[in-house]
C-alpha atoms as a PDB file:
ATOM      1  CA  UNK A   1       7.040   8.773  17.172  1.00  0.00           C
ATOM      2  CA  UNK A   2       8.652   9.843  13.868  1.00  0.00           C
ATOM      3  CA  UNK A   3      11.325   7.150  14.247  1.00  0.00           C
ATOM      4  CA  UNK A   4       8.623   4.528  14.800  1.00  0.00           C
ATOM      5  CA  UNK A   5       6.800   5.616  11.636  1.00  0.00           C
ATOM      6  CA  UNK A   6       9.982   5.348   9.562  1.00  0.00           C
ATOM      7  CA  UNK A   7      10.848   1.973  11.084  1.00  0.00           C
ATOM      8  CA  UNK A   8       7.355   0.622  10.382  1.00  0.00           C
ATOM      9  CA  UNK A   9       7.393   1.830   6.781  1.00  0.00           C
ATOM     10  CA  UNK A  10      10.872   0.376   6.226  1.00  0.00           C
ATOM     11  CA  UNK A  11       9.854  -2.904   7.854  1.00  0.00           C
ATOM     12  CA  UNK A  12       6.722  -3.112   5.713  1.00  0.00           C
ATOM     13  CA  UNK A  13       8.636  -2.566   2.487  1.00  0.00           C
ATOM     14  CA  UNK A  14      11.276  -5.108   3.523  1.00  0.00           C
ATOM     15  CA  UNK A  15       8.656  -7.702   4.463  1.00  0.00           C
ATOM     16  CA  UNK A  16       6.612  -7.214   1.309  1.00  0.00           C
ATOM     17  CA  UNK A  17       9.703  -7.338  -0.918  1.00  0.00           C
ATOM     18  CA  UNK A  18      10.921 -10.488   0.817  1.00  0.00           C
ATOM     19  CA  UNK A  19       7.589 -12.254   0.524  1.00  0.00           C
ATOM     20  CA  UNK A  20       7.181 -11.052  -3.058  1.00  0.00           C
ATOM     21  CA  UNK A  21      10.439 -12.760  -4.022  1.00  0.00           C
ATOM     22  CA  UNK A  22       9.062 -16.066  -2.729  1.00  0.00           C
ATOM     23  CA  UNK A  23       5.776 -15.417  -4.564  1.00  0.00           C
ATOM     24  CA  UNK A  24       7.615 -14.776  -7.805  1.00  0.00           C
ATOM     25  CA  UNK A  25       9.700 -17.942  -7.399  1.00  0.00           C
ATOM     26  CA  UNK A  26       6.855 -20.256  -6.433  1.00  0.00           C
ATOM     27  CA  UNK A  27       3.935 -18.774  -8.343  1.00  0.00           C
ATOM     28  CA  UNK A  28       5.534 -17.110 -11.332  1.00  0.00           C
ATOM     29  CA  UNK A  29       8.382 -19.538 -12.064  1.00  0.00           C
ATOM     30  CA  UNK A  30      11.275 -17.141 -11.460  1.00  0.00           C
ATOM     31  CA  UNK A  31      14.733 -18.673 -10.872  1.00  0.00           C
ATOM     32  CA  UNK A  32      15.642 -19.830  -7.372  1.00  0.00           C
ATOM     33  CA  UNK A  33      18.208 -17.016  -7.017  1.00  0.00           C
ATOM     34  CA  UNK A  34      15.203 -14.700  -6.450  1.00  0.00           C
ATOM     35  CA  UNK A  35      15.148 -16.137  -2.925  1.00  0.00           C
ATOM     36  CA  UNK A  36      18.539 -14.719  -1.856  1.00  0.00           C
ATOM     37  CA  UNK A  37      17.517 -11.040  -1.852  1.00  0.00           C
ATOM     38  CA  UNK A  38      14.142 -12.078  -0.478  1.00  0.00           C
ATOM     39  CA  UNK A  39      15.690 -13.776   2.539  1.00  0.00           C
ATOM     40  CA  UNK A  40      17.963 -10.792   3.147  1.00  0.00           C
ATOM     41  CA  UNK A  41      14.954  -8.518   2.946  1.00  0.00           C
ATOM     42  CA  UNK A  42      13.041 -10.635   5.469  1.00  0.00           C
ATOM     43  CA  UNK A  43      16.017 -10.544   7.849  1.00  0.00           C
ATOM     44  CA  UNK A  44      16.087  -6.742   7.515  1.00  0.00           C
ATOM     45  CA  UNK A  45      12.361  -6.669   8.269  1.00  0.00           C
ATOM     46  CA  UNK A  46      12.832  -8.647  11.489  1.00  0.00           C
ATOM     47  CA  UNK A  47      15.746  -6.464  12.587  1.00  0.00           C
ATOM     48  CA  UNK A  48      13.813  -3.258  11.892  1.00  0.00           C
ATOM     49  CA  UNK A  49      10.907  -4.308  14.098  1.00  0.00           C
ATOM     50  CA  UNK A  50      13.302  -4.695  17.019  1.00  0.00           C
ATOM     51  CA  UNK A  51      14.149  -0.994  16.668  1.00  0.00           C
ATOM     52  CA  UNK A  52      10.688   0.180  17.768  1.00  0.00           C
ATOM     53  CA  UNK A  53      10.585   1.613  21.267  1.00  0.00           C
ATOM     54  CA  UNK A  54       7.881  -0.475  22.916  1.00  0.00           C
ATOM     55  CA  UNK A  55       7.521  -2.249  26.221  1.00  0.00           C
ATOM     56  CA  UNK A  56       5.889  -5.259  24.554  1.00  0.00           C
ATOM     57  CA  UNK A  57       6.817  -6.938  21.277  1.00  0.00           C
ATOM     58  CA  UNK A  58       3.267  -8.120  20.620  1.00  0.00           C
ATOM     59  CA  UNK A  59       1.849  -4.600  20.862  1.00  0.00           C
ATOM     60  CA  UNK A  60       4.544  -3.300  18.548  1.00  0.00           C
ATOM     61  CA  UNK A  61       3.783  -6.042  16.008  1.00  0.00           C
ATOM     62  CA  UNK A  62       0.035  -5.455  16.254  1.00  0.00           C
ATOM     63  CA  UNK A  63       0.417  -1.735  15.568  1.00  0.00           C
ATOM     64  CA  UNK A  64       2.790  -2.529  12.702  1.00  0.00           C
ATOM     65  CA  UNK A  65       0.068  -4.669  11.110  1.00  0.00           C
ATOM     66  CA  UNK A  66      -1.929  -1.597  10.102  1.00  0.00           C
ATOM     67  CA  UNK A  67       1.094  -0.021   8.460  1.00  0.00           C
ATOM     68  CA  UNK A  68       1.823  -3.308   6.675  1.00  0.00           C
ATOM     69  CA  UNK A  69      -1.674  -3.365   5.220  1.00  0.00           C
ATOM     70  CA  UNK A  70      -1.367   0.188   3.899  1.00  0.00           C
ATOM     71  CA  UNK A  71       2.039  -0.634   2.395  1.00  0.00           C
ATOM     72  CA  UNK A  72       0.605  -3.799   0.816  1.00  0.00           C
ATOM     73  CA  UNK A  73      -2.143  -1.810  -0.887  1.00  0.00           C
ATOM     74  CA  UNK A  74       0.515   0.612  -2.162  1.00  0.00           C
ATOM     75  CA  UNK A  75       2.584  -2.335  -3.433  1.00  0.00           C
ATOM     76  CA  UNK A  76      -0.494  -3.745  -5.178  1.00  0.00           C
ATOM     77  CA  UNK A  77      -0.951  -0.452  -6.991  1.00  0.00           C
ATOM     78  CA  UNK A  78       2.635   0.595  -7.734  1.00  0.00           C
ATOM     79  CA  UNK A  79       4.465  -2.699  -8.258  1.00  0.00           C
ATOM     80  CA  UNK A  80       1.729  -5.053  -9.441  1.00  0.00           C
ATOM     81  CA  UNK A  81      -0.156  -2.318 -11.330  1.00  0.00           C
ATOM     82  CA  UNK A  82      -3.527  -3.307  -9.872  1.00  0.00           C
ATOM     83  CA  UNK A  83      -5.567  -0.303  -8.828  1.00  0.00           C
ATOM     84  CA  UNK A  84      -7.035  -0.706  -5.326  1.00  0.00           C
ATOM     85  CA  UNK A  85     -10.812  -0.552  -5.193  1.00  0.00           C
ATOM     86  CA  UNK A  86     -12.971   1.174  -2.595  1.00  0.00           C
ATOM     87  CA  UNK A  87     -13.030  -1.950  -0.416  1.00  0.00           C
ATOM     88  CA  UNK A  88      -9.242  -2.111  -0.383  1.00  0.00           C
ATOM     89  CA  UNK A  89      -9.079   1.546   0.652  1.00  0.00           C
ATOM     90  CA  UNK A  90     -11.834   1.257   3.272  1.00  0.00           C
ATOM     91  CA  UNK A  91     -10.308  -1.865   4.811  1.00  0.00           C
ATOM     92  CA  UNK A  92      -6.854  -0.324   4.921  1.00  0.00           C
ATOM     93  CA  UNK A  93      -8.216   2.836   6.571  1.00  0.00           C
ATOM     94  CA  UNK A  94      -9.992   0.793   9.240  1.00  0.00           C
ATOM     95  CA  UNK A  95      -6.782  -1.143   9.936  1.00  0.00           C
ATOM     96  CA  UNK A  96      -4.722   2.037  10.175  1.00  0.00           C
ATOM     97  CA  UNK A  97      -7.153   3.464  12.730  1.00  0.00           C
ATOM     98  CA  UNK A  98      -6.851   0.246  14.720  1.00  0.00           C
ATOM     99  CA  UNK A  99      -3.069   0.423  14.590  1.00  0.00           C
ATOM    100  CA  UNK A 100      -3.173   4.010  15.851  1.00  0.00           C
ATOM    101  CA  UNK A 101      -5.409   3.017  18.757  1.00  0.00           C
ATOM    102  CA  UNK A 102      -2.981   0.236  19.724  1.00  0.00           C
ATOM    103  CA  UNK A 103       0.112   2.400  19.349  1.00  0.00           C
ATOM    104  CA  UNK A 104      -1.190   5.650  20.860  1.00  0.00           C
ATOM    105  CA  UNK A 105      -3.673   4.384  23.448  1.00  0.00           C
ATOM    106  CA  UNK A 106      -3.213   5.554  27.003  1.00  0.00           C
ATOM    107  CA  UNK A 107      -1.835   2.749  29.145  1.00  0.00           C
ATOM    108  CA  UNK A 108      -2.565   2.135  32.802  1.00  0.00           C
ATOM    109  CA  UNK A 109      -0.166   0.436  35.167  1.00  0.00           C
ATOM    110  CA  UNK A 110      -1.073  -3.183  35.795  1.00  0.00           C
END
């Protein structure tokens, strides 16, 4: 479980950083070379998600979504210097609970 948490956090940071590089290039007029580290970061993100011990990729990705949302709110605050409001926090908390239900729910044989 600890490994999964570290993988999800690493994947979230890699995905956000990769997408942010595209955002900066397209929306903020940064040079095209911003895309090179962004693409590498997105490749790292994809590789990290394959490291999660799960019997189904879709379930692993769904649970990761909650972690991604929390990481995105942290990015908003720490990198973009925009303080999250109560709706950001409430929405992120709801998503994290949903991710925990998906990841930790008791499974029955089908």
